[in-house]
C-alpha atoms as a PDB file:
ATOM      1  CA  TYR A   1      79.059-151.193-131.667  1.00  0.00           C
ATOM      2  CA  LEU A   2      79.872-153.771-129.053  1.00  0.00           C
ATOM      3  CA  THR A   3      76.783-155.102-127.268  1.00  0.00           C
ATOM      4  CA  ILE A   4      75.662-158.028-125.151  1.00  0.00           C
ATOM      5  CA  ALA A   5      72.287-159.536-124.380  1.00  0.00           C
ATOM      6  CA  GLY A   6      71.721-160.381-120.746  1.00  0.00           C
ATOM      7  CA  ALA A   7      68.978-162.086-118.782  1.00  0.00           C
ATOM      8  CA  ALA A   8      66.495-159.973-116.847  1.00  0.00           C
ATOM      9  CA  ASN A   9      67.029-161.507-113.425  1.00  0.00           C
ATOM     10  CA  THR A  10      69.184-161.121-110.342  1.00  0.00           C
ATOM     11  CA  SER A  11      70.472-164.692-110.583  1.00  0.00           C
ATOM     12  CA  TYR A  12      72.214-163.846-113.867  1.00  0.00           C
ATOM     13  CA  LEU A  13      73.484-160.511-112.579  1.00  0.00           C
ATOM     14  CA  SER A  14      74.955-162.149-109.473  1.00  0.00           C
ATOM     15  CA  ARG A  15      77.266-164.148-111.776  1.00  0.00           C
ATOM     16  CA  ILE A  16      78.672-161.232-113.783  1.00  0.00           C
ATOM     17  CA  GLU A  17      80.146-157.877-112.854  1.00  0.00           C
ATOM     18  CA  ALA A  18      77.474-155.827-114.606  1.00  0.00           C
ATOM     19  CA  ALA A  19      78.980-152.390-113.981  1.00  0.00           C
ATOM     20  CA  LYS A  20      82.372-153.543-115.322  1.00  0.00           C
ATOM     21  CA  VAL A  21      80.703-155.154-118.341  1.00  0.00           C
ATOM     22  CA  ALA A  22      78.843-151.882-118.995  1.00  0.00           C
ATOM     23  CA  GLU A  23      82.184-150.053-119.166  1.00  0.00           C
ATOM     24  CA  LEU A  24      83.270-152.364-122.008  1.00  0.00           C
ATOM     25  CA  VAL A  25      80.154-152.342-124.187  1.00  0.00           C
ATOM     26  CA  ASP A  26      78.091-149.703-125.936  1.00  0.00           C
ATOM     27  CA  HIS A  27      74.777-151.250-124.888  1.00  0.00           C
ATOM     28  CA  ILE A  28      73.343-154.083-122.836  1.00  0.00           C
ATOM     29  CA  PHE A  29      70.197-155.550-124.352  1.00  0.00           C
ATOM     30  CA  ILE A  30      68.019-156.777-121.497  1.00  0.00           C
ATOM     31  CA  MET A  31      66.281-159.981-122.506  1.00  0.00           C
ATOM     32  CA  ALA A  32      62.981-158.941-120.950  1.00  0.00           C
ATOM     33  CA  TYR A  33      61.241-162.016-122.306  1.00  0.00           C
ATOM     34  CA  ASP A  34      61.341-165.729-121.584  1.00  0.00           C
ATOM     35  CA  ILE A  35      60.841-164.806-117.948  1.00  0.00           C
ATOM     36  CA  HIS A  36      58.637-167.887-117.921  1.00  0.00           C
ATOM     37  CA  GLY A  37      58.197-170.583-120.548  1.00  0.00           C
ATOM     38  CA  PRO A  38      58.034-174.323-121.281  1.00  0.00           C
ATOM     39  CA  TRP A  39      61.040-175.011-119.020  1.00  0.00           C
ATOM     40  CA  ASP A  40      58.905-174.101-115.980  1.00  0.00           C
ATOM     41  CA  SER A  41      56.597-176.552-114.236  1.00  0.00           C
ATOM     42  CA  TYR A  42      53.600-174.209-114.400  1.00  0.00           C
ATOM     43  CA  SER A  43      52.015-171.983-117.034  1.00  0.00           C
ATOM     44  CA  ASP A  44      52.889-168.328-116.566  1.00  0.00           C
ATOM     45  CA  PHE A  45      53.405-165.062-118.432  1.00  0.00           C
ATOM     46  CA  ASN A  46      56.274-164.787-120.911  1.00  0.00           C
ATOM     47  CA  ALA A  47      57.046-161.141-120.060  1.00  0.00           C
ATOM     48  CA  PRO A  48      54.945-159.656-117.245  1.00  0.00           C
ATOM     49  CA  LEU A  49      55.613-155.937-116.872  1.00  0.00           C
ATOM     50  CA  TYR A  50      55.131-156.240-113.098  1.00  0.00           C
ATOM     51  CA  LYS A  51      54.852-159.339-110.905  1.00  0.00           C
ATOM     52  CA  PRO A  52      51.349-160.757-110.490  1.00  0.00           C
ATOM     53  CA  GLU A  53      50.194-160.217-106.921  1.00  0.00           C
ATOM     54  CA  GLU A  54      48.418-163.538-106.452  1.00  0.00           C
ATOM     55  CA  PRO A  55      50.355-166.506-105.053  1.00  0.00           C
ATOM     56  CA  SER A  56      52.343-168.511-107.577  1.00  0.00           C
ATOM     57  CA  PRO A  57      53.766-172.024-107.180  1.00  0.00           C
ATOM     58  CA  GLN A  58      57.012-170.897-108.824  1.00  0.00           C
ATOM     59  CA  TYR A  59      59.461-168.004-108.825  1.00  0.00           C
ATOM     60  CA  LYS A  60      58.253-164.522-109.680  1.00  0.00           C
ATOM     61  CA  ASN A  61      60.039-161.990-111.833  1.00  0.00           C
ATOM     62  CA  SER A  62      59.049-159.175-114.155  1.00  0.00           C
ATOM     63  CA  VAL A  63      60.359-156.815-116.809  1.00  0.00           C
ATOM     64  CA  TYR A  64      60.409-154.002-114.234  1.00  0.00           C
ATOM     65  CA  ASP A  65      62.371-156.144-111.747  1.00  0.00           C
ATOM     66  CA  GLY A  66      64.890-157.005-114.454  1.00  0.00           C
ATOM     67  CA  VAL A  67      65.501-153.366-115.362  1.00  0.00           C
ATOM     68  CA  LYS A  68      65.750-152.370-111.681  1.00  0.00           C
ATOM     69  CA  ALA A  69      68.301-155.142-111.099  1.00  0.00           C
ATOM     70  CA  TYR A  70      70.589-153.730-113.800  1.00  0.00           C
ATOM     71  CA  LEU A  71      70.222-150.198-112.474  1.00  0.00           C
ATOM     72  CA  SER A  72      70.865-151.375-108.901  1.00  0.00           C
ATOM     73  CA  SER A  73      74.020-153.168-110.043  1.00  0.00           C
ATOM     74  CA  GLY A  74      75.477-149.863-111.227  1.00  0.00           C
ATOM     75  CA  VAL A  75      74.615-149.944-114.931  1.00  0.00           C
ATOM     76  CA  SER A  76      73.555-146.583-116.362  1.00  0.00           C
ATOM     77  CA  ALA A  77      70.083-146.431-117.885  1.00  0.00           C
ATOM     78  CA  LYS A  78      71.710-144.916-120.986  1.00  0.00           C
ATOM     79  CA  LYS A  79      73.472-148.247-121.615  1.00  0.00           C
ATOM     80  CA  LEU A  80      70.287-150.353-121.383  1.00  0.00           C
ATOM     81  CA  VAL A  81      68.050-151.401-124.262  1.00  0.00           C
ATOM     82  CA  LEU A  82      64.818-153.241-123.411  1.00  0.00           C
ATOM     83  CA  GLY A  83      64.200-156.380-125.448  1.00  0.00           C
ATOM     84  CA  MET A  84      60.582-157.422-126.002  1.00  0.00           C
ATOM     85  CA  PRO A  85      58.953-160.633-127.185  1.00  0.00           C
ATOM     86  CA  LEU A  86      57.079-160.596-130.461  1.00  0.00           C
ATOM     87  CA  TYR A  87      55.808-164.122-129.757  1.00  0.00           C
ATOM     88  CA  GLY A  88      54.129-165.995-126.938  1.00  0.00           C
ATOM     89  CA  TYR A  89      53.778-169.426-125.389  1.00  0.00           C
ATOM     90  CA  ILE A  90      50.886-171.840-125.643  1.00  0.00           C
ATOM     91  CA  TYR A  91      50.375-174.259-122.748  1.00  0.00           C
ATOM     92  CA  GLN A  92      48.006-177.161-123.360  1.00  0.00           C
ATOM     93  CA  GLY A  93      46.388-179.454-120.843  1.00  0.00           C
ATOM     94  CA  VAL A  94      46.008-176.760-118.173  1.00  0.00           C
ATOM     95  CA  SER A  95      43.283-176.679-115.528  1.00  0.00           C
ATOM     96  CA  SER A  96      40.378-174.263-115.684  1.00  0.00           C
ATOM     97  CA  GLN A  97      41.306-172.807-112.283  1.00  0.00           C
ATOM     98  CA  SER A  98      42.470-169.193-112.685  1.00  0.00           C
ATOM     99  CA  ASN A  99      41.875-169.526-116.438  1.00  0.00           C
ATOM    100  CA  GLY A 100      44.924-171.763-116.726  1.00  0.00           C
ATOM    101  CA  LEU A 101      47.388-169.370-115.063  1.00  0.00           C
ATOM    102  CA  PHE A 102      49.893-171.072-112.704  1.00  0.00           C
ATOM    103  CA  SER A 103      48.641-174.498-113.801  1.00  0.00           C
ATOM    104  CA  ARG A 104      50.543-177.678-114.522  1.00  0.00           C
ATOM    105  CA  TYR A 105      50.340-178.511-118.231  1.00  0.00           C
ATOM    106  CA  SER A 106      50.859-181.442-120.556  1.00  0.00           C
ATOM    107  CA  SER A 107      52.691-179.602-123.369  1.00  0.00           C
ATOM    108  CA  ALA A 108      53.977-176.137-124.194  1.00  0.00           C
ATOM    109  CA  LYS A 109      55.739-174.393-127.052  1.00  0.00           C
ATOM    110  CA  SER A 110      56.312-170.962-128.547  1.00  0.00           C
ATOM    111  CA  ILE A 111      53.610-169.408-130.710  1.00  0.00           C
ATOM    112  CA  SER A 112      53.863-166.507-133.161  1.00  0.00           C
ATOM    113  CA  TYR A 113      51.670-163.447-132.828  1.00  0.00           C
ATOM    114  CA  ASN A 114      50.324-164.148-136.327  1.00  0.00           C
ATOM    115  CA  THR A 115      49.099-167.561-135.149  1.00  0.00           C
ATOM    116  CA  VAL A 116      47.584-166.048-131.994  1.00  0.00           C
ATOM    117  CA  ARG A 117      45.782-163.484-134.134  1.00  0.00           C
ATOM    118  CA  SER A 118      44.634-165.819-136.914  1.00  0.00           C
ATOM    119  CA  SER A 119      43.728-168.907-134.869  1.00  0.00           C
ATOM    120  CA  TYR A 120      42.794-167.788-131.370  1.00  0.00           C
ATOM    121  CA  LEU A 121      41.796-164.128-130.988  1.00  0.00           C
ATOM    122  CA  SER A 122      38.602-164.537-132.997  1.00  0.00           C
ATOM    123  CA  ASN A 123      37.910-168.081-131.790  1.00  0.00           C
ATOM    124  CA  PRO A 124      34.781-167.969-129.564  1.00  0.00           C
ATOM    125  CA  ALA A 125      36.099-170.931-127.534  1.00  0.00           C
ATOM    126  CA  PHE A 126      38.839-168.676-126.123  1.00  0.00           C
ATOM    127  CA  ALA A 127      38.313-165.901-123.598  1.00  0.00           C
ATOM    128  CA  SER A 128      40.515-162.866-124.160  1.00  0.00           C
ATOM    129  CA  LEU A 129      41.805-161.666-120.775  1.00  0.00           C
ATOM    130  CA  ARG A 130      44.248-159.093-119.414  1.00  0.00           C
ATOM    131  CA  HIS A 131      46.142-159.335-116.141  1.00  0.00           C
ATOM    132  CA  ALA A 132      45.820-155.948-114.458  1.00  0.00           C
ATOM    133  CA  ASN A 133      49.084-155.983-112.531  1.00  0.00           C
ATOM    134  CA  ALA A 134      51.278-157.856-115.035  1.00  0.00           C
ATOM    135  CA  GLN A 135      49.789-155.643-117.789  1.00  0.00           C
ATOM    136  CA  VAL A 136      49.785-158.430-120.364  1.00  0.00           C
ATOM    137  CA  PRO A 137      47.026-160.135-122.344  1.00  0.00           C
ATOM    138  CA  TYR A 138      46.347-163.854-122.299  1.00  0.00           C
ATOM    139  CA  LEU A 139      43.841-166.294-123.698  1.00  0.00           C
ATOM    140  CA  TYR A 140      42.133-169.258-122.093  1.00  0.00           C
ATOM    141  CA  GLY A 141      39.941-171.908-123.660  1.00  0.00           C
ATOM    142  CA  GLU A 142      39.800-175.634-124.331  1.00  0.00           C
ATOM    143  CA  ASN A 143      42.241-176.321-121.465  1.00  0.00           C
ATOM    144  CA  THR A 144      44.787-174.062-123.173  1.00  0.00           C
ATOM    145  CA  PHE A 145      46.559-170.979-121.767  1.00  0.00           C
ATOM    146  CA  ILE A 146      48.270-168.580-124.187  1.00  0.00           C
ATOM    147  CA  THR A 147      50.563-165.784-123.051  1.00  0.00           C
ATOM    148  CA  TYR A 148      51.433-163.186-125.685  1.00  0.00           C
ATOM    149  CA  GLU A 149      51.958-159.473-126.321  1.00  0.00           C
ATOM    150  CA  ASP A 150      49.605-157.024-127.983  1.00  0.00           C
ATOM    151  CA  PRO A 151      49.896-153.322-128.897  1.00  0.00           C
ATOM    152  CA  GLN A 152      48.741-152.274-125.416  1.00  0.00           C
ATOM    153  CA  SER A 153      51.292-154.427-123.545  1.00  0.00           C
ATOM    154  CA  ILE A 154      54.102-153.358-125.897  1.00  0.00           C
ATOM    155  CA  ALA A 155      53.101-149.693-125.352  1.00  0.00           C
ATOM    156  CA  ALA A 156      53.255-150.224-121.566  1.00  0.00           C
ATOM    157  CA  LYS A 157      56.781-151.607-121.885  1.00  0.00           C
ATOM    158  CA  VAL A 158      57.796-148.685-124.131  1.00  0.00           C
ATOM    159  CA  SER A 159      56.393-146.293-121.521  1.00  0.00           C
ATOM    160  CA  LEU A 160      58.417-148.021-118.800  1.00  0.00           C
ATOM    161  CA  ALA A 161      61.613-147.762-120.883  1.00  0.00           C
ATOM    162  CA  LYS A 162      60.997-144.053-121.483  1.00  0.00           C
ATOM    163  CA  SER A 163      60.157-143.320-117.836  1.00  0.00           C
ATOM    164  CA  MET A 164      63.338-145.070-116.655  1.00  0.00           C
ATOM    165  CA  GLY A 165      65.524-143.251-119.218  1.00  0.00           C
ATOM    166  CA  LEU A 166      66.635-146.370-121.064  1.00  0.00           C
ATOM    167  CA  ALA A 167      68.580-146.074-124.319  1.00  0.00           C
ATOM    168  CA  GLY A 168      65.774-147.725-126.277  1.00  0.00           C
ATOM    169  CA  ILE A 169      63.777-150.837-126.952  1.00  0.00           C
END
């Protein structure tokens, strides 16, 4: 098989001829992760299924928007495979406003799901939250914001891939 991995945003797609690329490859793996991360100025979700509705100080994008961008550029759903993160990001030094979401931070790095589960999910200092529109979980406590995936958010992404007729995940 000949495949490529491509970013899940219109900026990337505006620099390639996606429909022509799709003719040359068996599948395009949409990198529907790293939508936000330590390169941004504010804490945010790694892979929101849909854009949060509240105002954000930075760009907004989502897994859904990424898939729609490929489809709108002429790529068949049967060529698309949805990539998903099996990790998250931990932002430290965030404000308590909005439980650390869209906050400036002092440090950030990737974090494995095993570390989220073993060190944070059962830690009473951290509130376990879920963003209704983005359909992703997050944790807040001790001036720390953690964006990650759980079985429910992965299932929502699988459901989206199925409903849009994608080749897989």
